[in-house]
Structures are given as C-alpha cells and as structure tokens.
Amino acid sequence: QVQLVESGGGLVQAGGSLRLSCAASGRTSREFDMGWFRQPPGKEREFVAAISWGGGFIIYYADSVKGRFTISRDNAKNTVYLQMNSLKPEDTAVYYCAATWGGATDLKGGKSDYWGQGTQVTVSS
C-alpha cells in the first residue's frame, strides 16, 4: 500500500501561482510513477500531469495546462510537486495526487493504483 498526502492548495487570484506537494509513504521501496488529476465543480476528474520514476523523467501534461504548470519530483523524499503559474478561474478544482506502478502512460489514460484525499484550489477572477 502507498499513502499519498497532498498540500499547498488554497485561494489565489487569476494570474497568480500555487505549488502543490504530494508526499508518498508506505510501500515506497518499489519504484512508481506519480501524477496529478483534478475535478472541477460539477465535472468529472481529469488528468493534469504525470512524471515517471526516473530514466530521464518521462513527463506528460494535459493540453489545458501546458506552458503554465510544471510537474517535478524528488525521489529521495518520495514527493511530487505541481507548480501552477498563470492560474485561471477554470483551474478551480480539487486536485488529487496519484501513484501507479503501471507507468506514466497509465496515469495519462486516467488509471492509477493509489489516490490522495485531494486539496482544493480556487482561482478568483
């Protein structure tokens, strides 16, 4: 089992920035890929970004966040980050951390073995 705990959400004005963190604990001795999803109000959960364990870090982004969001990870700390810049009101959502042993492409396809509890991000206009 892997436990994921997100932090860093909050309220920010449009154009502002936030940095989300997700710390993994538990069965972290096995390499796993990590990512972020979000669920806007009244909508389904959607993929945001994913990053592989190593090997040059394979990274995927949703088209809606490319150029504004940056995913990174610190394997020594079992932590993944999501730097969100130029935030828009449409970025308002609950953001979920995800981890999988199935590969970053699984995350891109909406699949994950583990989920965090979510952290609220609200962008005001």
C-alpha atoms as a PDB file:
ATOM      1  CA  GLN A   1       0.000   0.000   0.000  1.00  0.00           C
ATOM      2  CA  VAL A   2       1.029   3.583  -0.718  1.00  0.00           C
ATOM      3  CA  GLN A   3      -0.431   6.556   1.116  1.00  0.00           C
ATOM      4  CA  LEU A   4      -0.490   9.954  -0.590  1.00  0.00           C
ATOM      5  CA  VAL A   5      -0.946  13.266   1.208  1.00  0.00           C
ATOM      6  CA  GLU A   6      -1.372  16.495  -0.746  1.00  0.00           C
ATOM      7  CA  SER A   7      -0.716  20.013   0.487  1.00  0.00           C
ATOM      8  CA  GLY A   8      -0.425  23.514  -0.905  1.00  0.00           C
ATOM      9  CA  GLY A   9      -3.925  24.228  -2.133  1.00  0.00           C
ATOM     10  CA  GLY A  10      -5.721  27.477  -1.431  1.00  0.00           C
ATOM     11  CA  LEU A  11      -7.314  30.608  -2.828  1.00  0.00           C
ATOM     12  CA  VAL A  12      -5.440  32.697  -5.381  1.00  0.00           C
ATOM     13  CA  GLN A  13      -6.314  35.458  -7.813  1.00  0.00           C
ATOM     14  CA  ALA A  14      -6.235  34.885 -11.545  1.00  0.00           C
ATOM     15  CA  GLY A  15      -2.704  35.179 -12.855  1.00  0.00           C
ATOM     16  CA  GLY A  16      -1.226  34.020  -9.583  1.00  0.00           C
ATOM     17  CA  SER A  17       0.725  30.898  -8.690  1.00  0.00           C
ATOM     18  CA  LEU A  18       0.465  27.958  -6.328  1.00  0.00           C
ATOM     19  CA  ARG A  19       2.693  24.972  -5.662  1.00  0.00           C
ATOM     20  CA  LEU A  20       1.145  21.663  -4.711  1.00  0.00           C
ATOM     21  CA  SER A  21       3.095  18.922  -2.982  1.00  0.00           C
ATOM     22  CA  CYS A  22       2.301  15.251  -2.532  1.00  0.00           C
ATOM     23  CA  ALA A  23       4.248  13.073  -0.135  1.00  0.00           C
ATOM     24  CA  ALA A  24       4.120   9.299  -0.521  1.00  0.00           C
ATOM     25  CA  SER A  25       4.592   6.861   2.328  1.00  0.00           C
ATOM     26  CA  GLY A  26       4.190   3.164   2.883  1.00  0.00           C
ATOM     27  CA  ARG A  27       5.438   0.776   0.198  1.00  0.00           C
ATOM     28  CA  THR A  28       7.760   3.305  -1.368  1.00  0.00           C
ATOM     29  CA  SER A  29      10.713   0.964  -1.839  1.00  0.00           C
ATOM     30  CA  ARG A  30       9.239  -0.059  -5.167  1.00  0.00           C
ATOM     31  CA  GLU A  31       9.544   2.462  -7.985  1.00  0.00           C
ATOM     32  CA  PHE A  32       6.281   4.102  -9.026  1.00  0.00           C
ATOM     33  CA  ASP A  33       5.174   6.845 -11.343  1.00  0.00           C
ATOM     34  CA  MET A  34       3.207   9.797  -9.999  1.00  0.00           C
ATOM     35  CA  GLY A  35       0.855  12.416 -11.266  1.00  0.00           C
ATOM     36  CA  TRP A  36      -1.910  14.918 -10.677  1.00  0.00           C
ATOM     37  CA  PHE A  37      -5.578  14.924 -11.567  1.00  0.00           C
ATOM     38  CA  ARG A  38      -8.271  17.477 -10.856  1.00  0.00           C
ATOM     39  CA  GLN A  39     -12.041  17.549 -10.539  1.00  0.00           C
ATOM     40  CA  PRO A  40     -13.693  20.886 -11.303  1.00  0.00           C
ATOM     41  CA  PRO A  41     -17.066  21.614  -9.680  1.00  0.00           C
ATOM     42  CA  GLY A  42     -19.795  19.563 -11.295  1.00  0.00           C
ATOM     43  CA  LYS A  43     -17.404  17.796 -13.663  1.00  0.00           C
ATOM     44  CA  GLU A  44     -15.561  14.507 -13.849  1.00  0.00           C
ATOM     45  CA  ARG A  45     -11.997  14.031 -12.691  1.00  0.00           C
ATOM     46  CA  GLU A  46      -9.448  14.788 -15.406  1.00  0.00           C
ATOM     47  CA  PHE A  47      -5.756  14.173 -15.973  1.00  0.00           C
ATOM     48  CA  VAL A  48      -3.400  17.099 -15.376  1.00  0.00           C
ATOM     49  CA  ALA A  49       0.208  15.850 -15.405  1.00  0.00           C
ATOM     50  CA  ALA A  50       2.346  12.748 -14.859  1.00  0.00           C
ATOM     51  CA  ILE A  51       6.014  12.005 -14.306  1.00  0.00           C
ATOM     52  CA  SER A  52       7.901   8.727 -14.379  1.00  0.00           C
ATOM     53  CA  TRP A  53      10.149   7.444 -11.596  1.00  0.00           C
ATOM     54  CA  GLY A  54      13.420   8.012 -13.377  1.00  0.00           C
ATOM     55  CA  GLY A  55      15.303   7.328 -16.594  1.00  0.00           C
ATOM     56  CA  GLY A  56      15.249  10.945 -17.642  1.00  0.00           C
ATOM     57  CA  PHE A  57      11.762  11.534 -16.272  1.00  0.00           C
ATOM     58  CA  ILE A  58       9.073  10.960 -18.859  1.00  0.00           C
ATOM     59  CA  ILE A  59       6.522  13.758 -18.425  1.00  0.00           C
ATOM     60  CA  TYR A  60       3.005  14.257 -19.760  1.00  0.00           C
ATOM     61  CA  TYR A  61       0.710  17.272 -19.498  1.00  0.00           C
ATOM     62  CA  ALA A  62      -2.895  17.907 -20.376  1.00  0.00           C
ATOM     63  CA  ASP A  63      -3.186  20.402 -23.208  1.00  0.00           C
ATOM     64  CA  SER A  64      -5.075  22.802 -20.946  1.00  0.00           C
ATOM     65  CA  VAL A  65      -2.081  23.261 -18.617  1.00  0.00           C
ATOM     66  CA  LYS A  66       0.899  23.022 -20.979  1.00  0.00           C
ATOM     67  CA  GLY A  67       3.200  26.011 -20.601  1.00  0.00           C
ATOM     68  CA  ARG A  68       1.635  27.019 -17.278  1.00  0.00           C
ATOM     69  CA  PHE A  69       2.070  24.002 -14.988  1.00  0.00           C
ATOM     70  CA  THR A  70       5.280  22.130 -14.223  1.00  0.00           C
ATOM     71  CA  ILE A  71       5.461  18.711 -12.582  1.00  0.00           C
ATOM     72  CA  SER A  72       8.600  17.561 -10.813  1.00  0.00           C
ATOM     73  CA  ARG A  73       9.600  15.018  -8.197  1.00  0.00           C
ATOM     74  CA  ASP A  74      12.195  14.349  -5.527  1.00  0.00           C
ATOM     75  CA  ASN A  75      12.641  10.593  -5.280  1.00  0.00           C
ATOM     76  CA  ALA A  76      14.743  10.888  -2.121  1.00  0.00           C
ATOM     77  CA  LYS A  77      11.736  12.476  -0.427  1.00  0.00           C
ATOM     78  CA  ASN A  78       9.093  10.412  -2.253  1.00  0.00           C
ATOM     79  CA  THR A  79       7.438  13.672  -3.147  1.00  0.00           C
ATOM     80  CA  VAL A  80       5.931  15.038  -6.336  1.00  0.00           C
ATOM     81  CA  TYR A  81       5.236  18.708  -6.963  1.00  0.00           C
ATOM     82  CA  LEU A  82       2.970  20.690  -9.251  1.00  0.00           C
ATOM     83  CA  GLN A  83       4.000  24.293  -9.850  1.00  0.00           C
ATOM     84  CA  MET A  84       0.990  26.153 -11.210  1.00  0.00           C
ATOM     85  CA  ASN A  85       1.558  29.549 -12.802  1.00  0.00           C
ATOM     86  CA  SER A  86      -0.735  31.954 -14.665  1.00  0.00           C
ATOM     87  CA  LEU A  87      -3.714  30.406 -12.950  1.00  0.00           C
ATOM     88  CA  LYS A  88      -7.159  30.880 -14.462  1.00  0.00           C
ATOM     89  CA  PRO A  89     -10.623  30.628 -12.882  1.00  0.00           C
ATOM     90  CA  GLU A  90     -11.160  27.453 -14.923  1.00  0.00           C
ATOM     91  CA  ASP A  91      -8.294  25.846 -12.997  1.00  0.00           C
ATOM     92  CA  THR A  92     -10.536  25.835  -9.924  1.00  0.00           C
ATOM     93  CA  ALA A  93     -10.873  22.226  -8.800  1.00  0.00           C
ATOM     94  CA  VAL A  94      -9.998  19.651  -6.198  1.00  0.00           C
ATOM     95  CA  TYR A  95      -6.527  18.432  -7.132  1.00  0.00           C
ATOM     96  CA  TYR A  96      -5.644  14.804  -6.486  1.00  0.00           C
ATOM     97  CA  CYS A  97      -2.251  13.163  -6.336  1.00  0.00           C
ATOM     98  CA  ALA A  98      -1.930   9.726  -7.927  1.00  0.00           C
ATOM     99  CA  ALA A  99       0.641   6.955  -7.951  1.00  0.00           C
ATOM    100  CA  THR A 100       0.916   3.842 -10.075  1.00  0.00           C
ATOM    101  CA  TRP A 101       3.276   1.011 -10.891  1.00  0.00           C
ATOM    102  CA  GLY A 102       1.669   0.755 -14.306  1.00  0.00           C
ATOM    103  CA  GLY A 103       3.632   3.577 -15.919  1.00  0.00           C
ATOM    104  CA  ALA A 104       3.150   7.264 -16.595  1.00  0.00           C
ATOM    105  CA  THR A 105       1.111   6.403 -19.676  1.00  0.00           C
ATOM    106  CA  ASP A 106      -1.440   4.716 -17.399  1.00  0.00           C
ATOM    107  CA  LEU A 107      -1.818   7.966 -15.493  1.00  0.00           C
ATOM    108  CA  LYS A 108      -2.243   9.855 -18.747  1.00  0.00           C
ATOM    109  CA  GLY A 109      -5.015   7.418 -19.557  1.00  0.00           C
ATOM    110  CA  GLY A 110      -6.757   8.063 -16.250  1.00  0.00           C
ATOM    111  CA  LYS A 111      -5.618   4.959 -14.412  1.00  0.00           C
ATOM    112  CA  SER A 112      -3.941   4.925 -11.017  1.00  0.00           C
ATOM    113  CA  ASP A 113      -3.295   2.407  -8.259  1.00  0.00           C
ATOM    114  CA  TYR A 114      -3.444   4.962  -5.447  1.00  0.00           C
ATOM    115  CA  TRP A 115      -5.090   8.337  -4.836  1.00  0.00           C
ATOM    116  CA  GLY A 116      -4.633  11.117  -2.329  1.00  0.00           C
ATOM    117  CA  GLN A 117      -7.522  12.736  -0.481  1.00  0.00           C
ATOM    118  CA  GLY A 118      -7.402  15.891  -2.602  1.00  0.00           C
ATOM    119  CA  THR A 119      -6.653  19.555  -1.997  1.00  0.00           C
ATOM    120  CA  GLN A 120      -8.858  22.466  -3.055  1.00  0.00           C
ATOM    121  CA  VAL A 121      -7.537  25.085  -5.458  1.00  0.00           C
ATOM    122  CA  THR A 122      -9.749  28.109  -6.039  1.00  0.00           C
ATOM    123  CA  VAL A 123      -8.835  30.808  -8.553  1.00  0.00           C
ATOM    124  CA  SER A 124     -10.822  34.018  -8.315  1.00  0.00           C
ATOM    125  CA  SER A 125     -11.363  36.336 -11.268  1.00  0.00           C
END
